[in-house]
Each structure stands twice: as C-alpha cells, then as structure tokens.
Amino acid sequence: MDHRVLIIHVVSRPYLMELAGLSCAQALAKVYSPEAYRNVLVCCGPGNQGGDGLVAARHLAMFGYQPVVYMPKFGSKDIYKRLHQQCDNMDISTLPPDISALEAALRTTNVILDAIFGFSFQGPIRAPFDTVLDRIQASRKPIVSVDIPSGWDVEKGPDVEGRTVIRPEVLVSLTAPKEGARVFRGKHFLGGRFVPR
C-alpha cells in the first residue's frame, strides 16, 4: 500500500507522515480531552511508525496537551531526525531511552500514544522493546495505537505466541484497516485517506 501511494500517486513520505500524525492526534483528541488527559506519553519506534508519532506529538502540543516523547531506540533516517528536531523546537521533552525513565513517566501519564511498531514488523520482539511493551501494557493507562497495535501480527492480530502485545482502547488505522485489526473491539478510526477512489 505504501508503495502504491508513494509511487503511483506521487505522494512524498514526509507528506504521508504529516497526514498520518495529524490523523492520530485528532483521533486521540476526539476520545481523550486535553482537560482530563493532558499528559500524553508518545512512544516512538525507530521506523516510519515512530515518525508518525513525532508528528502527532507536535499536533497534540498545539491542541493543548503536554506530550512527552519516549524512544527506546532512536531512528537513523534523516526524516526521523528532522521530525525529532521539530519536537525539540517546540519544547516537547524527550525522555532518556532507559526503562526507568519510561516507568517514571507512566506514573504521571494520562494516555499513551503507541507508535512503536508498524505493519511491516515481523519476527520476535527483542530488547529493549520486549520490556517496553510489557511496561506500557502493564500500566493500565488508556492506549491509542497507530495503524496496528505494537506486537500484533498484521494479518493474524494479537494472538502471537510468547509475545507481549499492546491491547489499546483506540486504534487509528492509516489508509485502510489491516487484516489483523478485524479482531479489534475498541474505538476504531480510519485516518489518512491517501489513496484516491
């Protein structure tokens, strides 16, 4: 799907990330008001999903939330670095990557934006992400997942043997719902209708 959007419809990746991040911020705001859920922990992986999360953090700040970014592993792509710099420019804090920083932040967080793994993630969940997913899920805080909840199989859903997965209250599917999202039973939004009819 990304290939079709990027190549056939001549849409740039930064533009897609902007639309995706805005969609995620809007969906979160629709369910969790800034008055009651001001502190948002934006958990970003090192890939495109994390880029969507960084964009969402910027928009959430403009919507009146107090986002804080947590990245267990920093993304190496230039676009990721630019998006992170934009968050820095808006005085959006980034936590250190250690687990103790995550645990401390979870105590004061009102809602979590899960932008760790995307639809292309496969294989076992390695450190530090295994512990990160475990702590997020164990926090019992409301979670909004971007595109597919972290740890889920894009086709089979959350039932992956031996793997901690995120079980969010809200899911924001991007472009189109993924096959694995059929079993999702929370609030489900469709964001970023990038493909023309």
C-alpha atoms as a PDB file:
ATOM      1  CA  MET A   1       0.000   0.000   0.000  1.00  0.00           C
ATOM      2  CA  ASP A   2       2.797   2.467   0.864  1.00  0.00           C
ATOM      3  CA  HIS A   3       4.472   1.692  -2.477  1.00  0.00           C
ATOM      4  CA  ARG A   4       1.240   2.422  -4.345  1.00  0.00           C
ATOM      5  CA  VAL A   5       0.742   5.717  -2.543  1.00  0.00           C
ATOM      6  CA  LEU A   6       4.369   6.830  -2.863  1.00  0.00           C
ATOM      7  CA  ILE A   7       4.982   5.799  -6.473  1.00  0.00           C
ATOM      8  CA  ILE A   8       1.684   5.656  -8.343  1.00  0.00           C
ATOM      9  CA  HIS A   9       0.027   8.629  -6.645  1.00  0.00           C
ATOM     10  CA  VAL A  10       3.270  10.650  -6.325  1.00  0.00           C
ATOM     11  CA  VAL A  11       2.929  11.452  -2.632  1.00  0.00           C
ATOM     12  CA  SER A  12       6.100  12.015  -0.599  1.00  0.00           C
ATOM     13  CA  ARG A  13       6.861  10.113   2.603  1.00  0.00           C
ATOM     14  CA  PRO A  14       7.126  13.343   4.686  1.00  0.00           C
ATOM     15  CA  TYR A  15       3.672  14.362   3.458  1.00  0.00           C
ATOM     16  CA  LEU A  16       2.253  10.937   4.368  1.00  0.00           C
ATOM     17  CA  MET A  17       3.793  11.195   7.838  1.00  0.00           C
ATOM     18  CA  GLU A  18       2.290  14.650   8.338  1.00  0.00           C
ATOM     19  CA  LEU A  19      -1.177  13.410   7.400  1.00  0.00           C
ATOM     20  CA  ALA A  20      -0.802  10.249   9.485  1.00  0.00           C
ATOM     21  CA  GLY A  21       0.454  12.091  12.562  1.00  0.00           C
ATOM     22  CA  LEU A  22      -2.300  14.694  12.315  1.00  0.00           C
ATOM     23  CA  SER A  23      -4.921  11.924  11.973  1.00  0.00           C
ATOM     24  CA  CYS A  24      -3.593  10.204  15.091  1.00  0.00           C
ATOM     25  CA  ALA A  25      -3.566  13.418  17.124  1.00  0.00           C
ATOM     26  CA  GLN A  26      -7.125  14.219  16.025  1.00  0.00           C
ATOM     27  CA  ALA A  27      -8.381  10.743  16.921  1.00  0.00           C
ATOM     28  CA  LEU A  28      -6.755  10.897  20.357  1.00  0.00           C
ATOM     29  CA  ALA A  29      -8.307  14.332  20.946  1.00  0.00           C
ATOM     30  CA  LYS A  30     -11.739  13.061  19.922  1.00  0.00           C
ATOM     31  CA  VAL A  31     -11.689  10.400  22.653  1.00  0.00           C
ATOM     32  CA  TYR A  32      -9.463  11.928  25.360  1.00  0.00           C
ATOM     33  CA  SER A  33      -9.926  15.648  26.059  1.00  0.00           C
ATOM     34  CA  PRO A  34      -6.888  17.792  26.959  1.00  0.00           C
ATOM     35  CA  GLU A  35      -8.674  18.896  30.132  1.00  0.00           C
ATOM     36  CA  ALA A  36      -8.887  15.345  31.519  1.00  0.00           C
ATOM     37  CA  TYR A  37      -5.954  13.685  29.712  1.00  0.00           C
ATOM     38  CA  ARG A  38      -3.364  16.444  29.388  1.00  0.00           C
ATOM     39  CA  ASN A  39      -0.211  14.321  29.833  1.00  0.00           C
ATOM     40  CA  VAL A  40       0.369  12.198  26.729  1.00  0.00           C
ATOM     41  CA  LEU A  41       3.281   9.782  26.525  1.00  0.00           C
ATOM     42  CA  VAL A  42       4.177   9.377  22.844  1.00  0.00           C
ATOM     43  CA  CYS A  43       6.122   6.106  22.468  1.00  0.00           C
ATOM     44  CA  CYS A  44       8.008   6.014  19.166  1.00  0.00           C
ATOM     45  CA  GLY A  45       9.875   3.208  17.453  1.00  0.00           C
ATOM     46  CA  PRO A  46      12.849   3.856  15.157  1.00  0.00           C
ATOM     47  CA  GLY A  47      10.935   3.484  11.861  1.00  0.00           C
ATOM     48  CA  ASN A  48       8.198   5.270   9.954  1.00  0.00           C
ATOM     49  CA  GLN A  49       5.678   4.488  12.689  1.00  0.00           C
ATOM     50  CA  GLY A  50       7.828   6.456  15.113  1.00  0.00           C
ATOM     51  CA  GLY A  51       7.904   9.324  12.629  1.00  0.00           C
ATOM     52  CA  ASP A  52       4.097   9.363  12.661  1.00  0.00           C
ATOM     53  CA  GLY A  53       4.285   9.549  16.455  1.00  0.00           C
ATOM     54  CA  LEU A  54       6.675  12.512  16.393  1.00  0.00           C
ATOM     55  CA  VAL A  55       4.341  14.396  14.057  1.00  0.00           C
ATOM     56  CA  ALA A  56       1.407  13.545  16.335  1.00  0.00           C
ATOM     57  CA  ALA A  57       3.329  14.891  19.347  1.00  0.00           C
ATOM     58  CA  ARG A  58       3.658  18.282  17.637  1.00  0.00           C
ATOM     59  CA  HIS A  59      -0.045  18.443  16.840  1.00  0.00           C
ATOM     60  CA  LEU A  60      -1.012  17.304  20.328  1.00  0.00           C
ATOM     61  CA  ALA A  61       1.027  20.169  21.785  1.00  0.00           C
ATOM     62  CA  MET A  62      -0.876  22.590  19.531  1.00  0.00           C
ATOM     63  CA  PHE A  63      -4.163  21.033  20.684  1.00  0.00           C
ATOM     64  CA  GLY A  64      -3.357  21.879  24.315  1.00  0.00           C
ATOM     65  CA  TYR A  65      -1.845  18.591  25.518  1.00  0.00           C
ATOM     66  CA  GLN A  66       1.512  18.163  27.247  1.00  0.00           C
ATOM     67  CA  PRO A  67       3.187  15.459  25.148  1.00  0.00           C
ATOM     68  CA  VAL A  68       6.417  13.764  26.190  1.00  0.00           C
ATOM     69  CA  VAL A  69       8.312  11.570  23.725  1.00  0.00           C
ATOM     70  CA  TYR A  70       9.854   8.226  24.667  1.00  0.00           C
ATOM     71  CA  MET A  71      12.094   6.433  22.145  1.00  0.00           C
ATOM     72  CA  PRO A  72      13.704   3.154  23.255  1.00  0.00           C
ATOM     73  CA  LYS A  73      15.867   3.354  20.131  1.00  0.00           C
ATOM     74  CA  PHE A  74      16.430   6.480  18.075  1.00  0.00           C
ATOM     75  CA  GLY A  75      15.644   6.343  14.353  1.00  0.00           C
ATOM     76  CA  SER A  76      18.574   6.807  11.980  1.00  0.00           C
ATOM     77  CA  LYS A  77      16.804   8.213   8.902  1.00  0.00           C
ATOM     78  CA  ASP A  78      17.177  11.933   8.154  1.00  0.00           C
ATOM     79  CA  ILE A  79      13.420  12.453   8.181  1.00  0.00           C
ATOM     80  CA  TYR A  80      13.242  10.997  11.694  1.00  0.00           C
ATOM     81  CA  LYS A  81      15.995  13.346  12.879  1.00  0.00           C
ATOM     82  CA  ARG A  82      14.203  16.344  11.359  1.00  0.00           C
ATOM     83  CA  LEU A  83      10.891  15.392  12.968  1.00  0.00           C
ATOM     84  CA  HIS A  84      12.603  14.999  16.327  1.00  0.00           C
ATOM     85  CA  GLN A  85      14.261  18.401  15.902  1.00  0.00           C
ATOM     86  CA  GLN A  86      10.838  19.930  15.249  1.00  0.00           C
ATOM     87  CA  CYS A  87       9.647  18.497  18.579  1.00  0.00           C
ATOM     88  CA  ASP A  88      12.731  19.944  20.287  1.00  0.00           C
ATOM     89  CA  ASN A  89      11.979  23.321  18.697  1.00  0.00           C
ATOM     90  CA  MET A  90       8.512  23.209  20.292  1.00  0.00           C
ATOM     91  CA  ASP A  91       9.986  22.328  23.707  1.00  0.00           C
ATOM     92  CA  ILE A  92       8.457  18.841  23.640  1.00  0.00           C
ATOM     93  CA  SER A  93      10.565  16.799  26.043  1.00  0.00           C
ATOM     94  CA  THR A  94      12.232  13.542  25.043  1.00  0.00           C
ATOM     95  CA  LEU A  95      12.919  11.056  27.818  1.00  0.00           C
ATOM     96  CA  PRO A  96      16.169   9.095  28.099  1.00  0.00           C
ATOM     97  CA  PRO A  97      15.838   5.647  26.478  1.00  0.00           C
ATOM     98  CA  ASP A  98      16.244   3.640  29.693  1.00  0.00           C
ATOM     99  CA  ILE A  99      13.363   1.678  31.195  1.00  0.00           C
ATOM    100  CA  SER A 100      13.442   3.590  34.485  1.00  0.00           C
ATOM    101  CA  ALA A 101      12.591   6.807  32.602  1.00  0.00           C
ATOM    102  CA  LEU A 102       9.623   5.056  30.986  1.00  0.00           C
ATOM    103  CA  GLU A 103       8.439   3.694  34.343  1.00  0.00           C
ATOM    104  CA  ALA A 104       8.645   7.139  35.950  1.00  0.00           C
ATOM    105  CA  ALA A 105       6.753   8.764  33.070  1.00  0.00           C
ATOM    106  CA  LEU A 106       3.999   6.149  33.165  1.00  0.00           C
ATOM    107  CA  ARG A 107       3.154   7.187  36.731  1.00  0.00           C
ATOM    108  CA  THR A 108       2.079  10.684  35.608  1.00  0.00           C
ATOM    109  CA  THR A 109       0.819   9.865  32.113  1.00  0.00           C
ATOM    110  CA  ASN A 110      -2.892  10.148  31.374  1.00  0.00           C
ATOM    111  CA  VAL A 111      -2.895   8.470  27.947  1.00  0.00           C
ATOM    112  CA  ILE A 112      -0.291   6.706  25.769  1.00  0.00           C
ATOM    113  CA  LEU A 113       0.167   7.005  22.009  1.00  0.00           C
ATOM    114  CA  ASP A 114       1.663   3.724  20.752  1.00  0.00           C
ATOM    115  CA  ALA A 115       3.773   4.439  17.646  1.00  0.00           C
ATOM    116  CA  ILE A 116       6.425   1.779  18.204  1.00  0.00           C
ATOM    117  CA  PHE A 117       5.951  -0.941  15.561  1.00  0.00           C
ATOM    118  CA  GLY A 118       4.190  -0.644  12.227  1.00  0.00           C
ATOM    119  CA  PHE A 119       2.505  -3.047   9.852  1.00  0.00           C
ATOM    120  CA  SER A 120       5.803  -4.295   8.409  1.00  0.00           C
ATOM    121  CA  PHE A 121       7.125  -5.530  11.774  1.00  0.00           C
ATOM    122  CA  GLN A 122       7.888  -9.263  11.852  1.00  0.00           C
ATOM    123  CA  GLY A 123       9.831 -11.693  13.976  1.00  0.00           C
ATOM    124  CA  PRO A 124      10.479 -11.835  17.710  1.00  0.00           C
ATOM    125  CA  ILE A 125      10.396  -8.682  19.813  1.00  0.00           C
ATOM    126  CA  ARG A 126      13.928  -8.040  21.031  1.00  0.00           C
ATOM    127  CA  ALA A 127      15.282  -5.972  23.887  1.00  0.00           C
ATOM    128  CA  PRO A 128      14.594  -3.278  24.847  1.00  0.00           C
ATOM    129  CA  PHE A 129      11.230  -3.361  23.062  1.00  0.00           C
ATOM    130  CA  ASP A 130      10.012  -6.515  24.825  1.00  0.00           C
ATOM    131  CA  THR A 131      10.318  -4.791  28.205  1.00  0.00           C
ATOM    132  CA  VAL A 132       8.911  -1.532  26.846  1.00  0.00           C
ATOM    133  CA  LEU A 133       5.741  -3.212  25.563  1.00  0.00           C
ATOM    134  CA  ASP A 134       5.386  -5.101  28.828  1.00  0.00           C
ATOM    135  CA  ARG A 135       5.611  -1.900  30.915  1.00  0.00           C
ATOM    136  CA  ILE A 136       3.209   0.008  28.685  1.00  0.00           C
ATOM    137  CA  GLN A 137       0.617  -2.764  28.727  1.00  0.00           C
ATOM    138  CA  ALA A 138       1.014  -3.303  32.488  1.00  0.00           C
ATOM    139  CA  SER A 139       0.500   0.415  33.198  1.00  0.00           C
ATOM    140  CA  ARG A 140      -3.269   0.068  32.695  1.00  0.00           C
ATOM    141  CA  LYS A 141      -3.313   3.549  31.156  1.00  0.00           C
ATOM    142  CA  PRO A 142      -5.518   4.215  28.112  1.00  0.00           C
ATOM    143  CA  ILE A 143      -3.637   3.484  24.882  1.00  0.00           C
ATOM    144  CA  VAL A 144      -4.147   4.794  21.353  1.00  0.00           C
ATOM    145  CA  SER A 145      -2.298   2.707  18.741  1.00  0.00           C
ATOM    146  CA  VAL A 146      -1.120   3.966  15.367  1.00  0.00           C
ATOM    147  CA  ASP A 147      -2.129   1.780  12.382  1.00  0.00           C
ATOM    148  CA  ILE A 148      -1.656  -1.611  14.073  1.00  0.00           C
ATOM    149  CA  PRO A 149      -1.058  -2.125  17.806  1.00  0.00           C
ATOM    150  CA  SER A 150       2.603  -2.818  18.573  1.00  0.00           C
ATOM    151  CA  GLY A 151       3.376  -6.530  18.701  1.00  0.00           C
ATOM    152  CA  TRP A 152       0.342  -7.572  16.650  1.00  0.00           C
ATOM    153  CA  ASP A 153       0.735  -9.664  13.519  1.00  0.00           C
ATOM    154  CA  VAL A 154      -0.586  -7.530  10.664  1.00  0.00           C
ATOM    155  CA  GLU A 155      -2.664 -10.445   9.337  1.00  0.00           C
ATOM    156  CA  LYS A 156      -3.449 -12.555  12.411  1.00  0.00           C
ATOM    157  CA  GLY A 157      -3.858  -9.881  15.073  1.00  0.00           C
ATOM    158  CA  PRO A 158      -2.791 -10.076  18.723  1.00  0.00           C
ATOM    159  CA  ASP A 159      -2.536 -13.825  19.207  1.00  0.00           C
ATOM    160  CA  VAL A 160       1.189 -14.259  18.742  1.00  0.00           C
ATOM    161  CA  GLU A 161       2.648 -16.991  20.933  1.00  0.00           C
ATOM    162  CA  GLY A 162       5.163 -15.860  23.541  1.00  0.00           C
ATOM    163  CA  ARG A 163       4.853 -12.189  22.701  1.00  0.00           C
ATOM    164  CA  THR A 164       3.611  -9.271  24.797  1.00  0.00           C
ATOM    165  CA  VAL A 165       1.347  -7.147  22.661  1.00  0.00           C
ATOM    166  CA  ILE A 166      -0.326  -3.794  23.161  1.00  0.00           C
ATOM    167  CA  ARG A 167      -4.083  -4.021  23.687  1.00  0.00           C
ATOM    168  CA  PRO A 168      -5.316  -0.480  23.071  1.00  0.00           C
ATOM    169  CA  GLU A 169      -8.663   1.142  23.721  1.00  0.00           C
ATOM    170  CA  VAL A 170      -8.354   3.128  20.469  1.00  0.00           C
ATOM    171  CA  LEU A 171      -6.882   2.192  17.080  1.00  0.00           C
ATOM    172  CA  VAL A 172      -6.169   4.634  14.254  1.00  0.00           C
ATOM    173  CA  SER A 173      -5.825   2.647  11.028  1.00  0.00           C
ATOM    174  CA  LEU A 174      -3.948   4.545   8.317  1.00  0.00           C
ATOM    175  CA  THR A 175      -5.076   4.407   4.676  1.00  0.00           C
ATOM    176  CA  ALA A 176      -7.038   1.189   5.287  1.00  0.00           C
ATOM    177  CA  PRO A 177      -7.597  -1.176   8.231  1.00  0.00           C
ATOM    178  CA  LYS A 178      -5.119  -4.061   8.304  1.00  0.00           C
ATOM    179  CA  GLU A 179      -6.378  -7.644   8.243  1.00  0.00           C
ATOM    180  CA  GLY A 180      -5.278  -8.241  11.848  1.00  0.00           C
ATOM    181  CA  ALA A 181      -7.477  -5.350  13.013  1.00  0.00           C
ATOM    182  CA  ARG A 182     -10.624  -7.404  12.333  1.00  0.00           C
ATOM    183  CA  VAL A 183     -10.483  -8.693  15.910  1.00  0.00           C
ATOM    184  CA  PHE A 184     -10.087  -5.211  17.442  1.00  0.00           C
ATOM    185  CA  ARG A 185     -13.116  -4.297  19.567  1.00  0.00           C
ATOM    186  CA  GLY A 186     -12.327  -0.768  20.810  1.00  0.00           C
ATOM    187  CA  LYS A 187     -12.902   2.620  19.191  1.00  0.00           C
ATOM    188  CA  HIS A 188     -11.580   2.392  15.636  1.00  0.00           C
ATOM    189  CA  PHE A 189     -10.753   5.378  13.448  1.00  0.00           C
ATOM    190  CA  LEU A 190      -9.624   5.489   9.838  1.00  0.00           C
ATOM    191  CA  GLY A 191      -7.069   8.235   9.293  1.00  0.00           C
ATOM    192  CA  GLY A 192      -5.241   9.473   6.251  1.00  0.00           C
ATOM    193  CA  ARG A 193      -7.313   8.523   3.220  1.00  0.00           C
ATOM    194  CA  PHE A 194      -4.260   8.821   0.961  1.00  0.00           C
ATOM    195  CA  VAL A 195      -5.464   6.670  -1.945  1.00  0.00           C
ATOM    196  CA  PRO A 196      -7.985   8.244  -4.337  1.00  0.00           C
ATOM    197  CA  ARG A 197     -11.057   6.219  -5.254  1.00  0.00           C
END
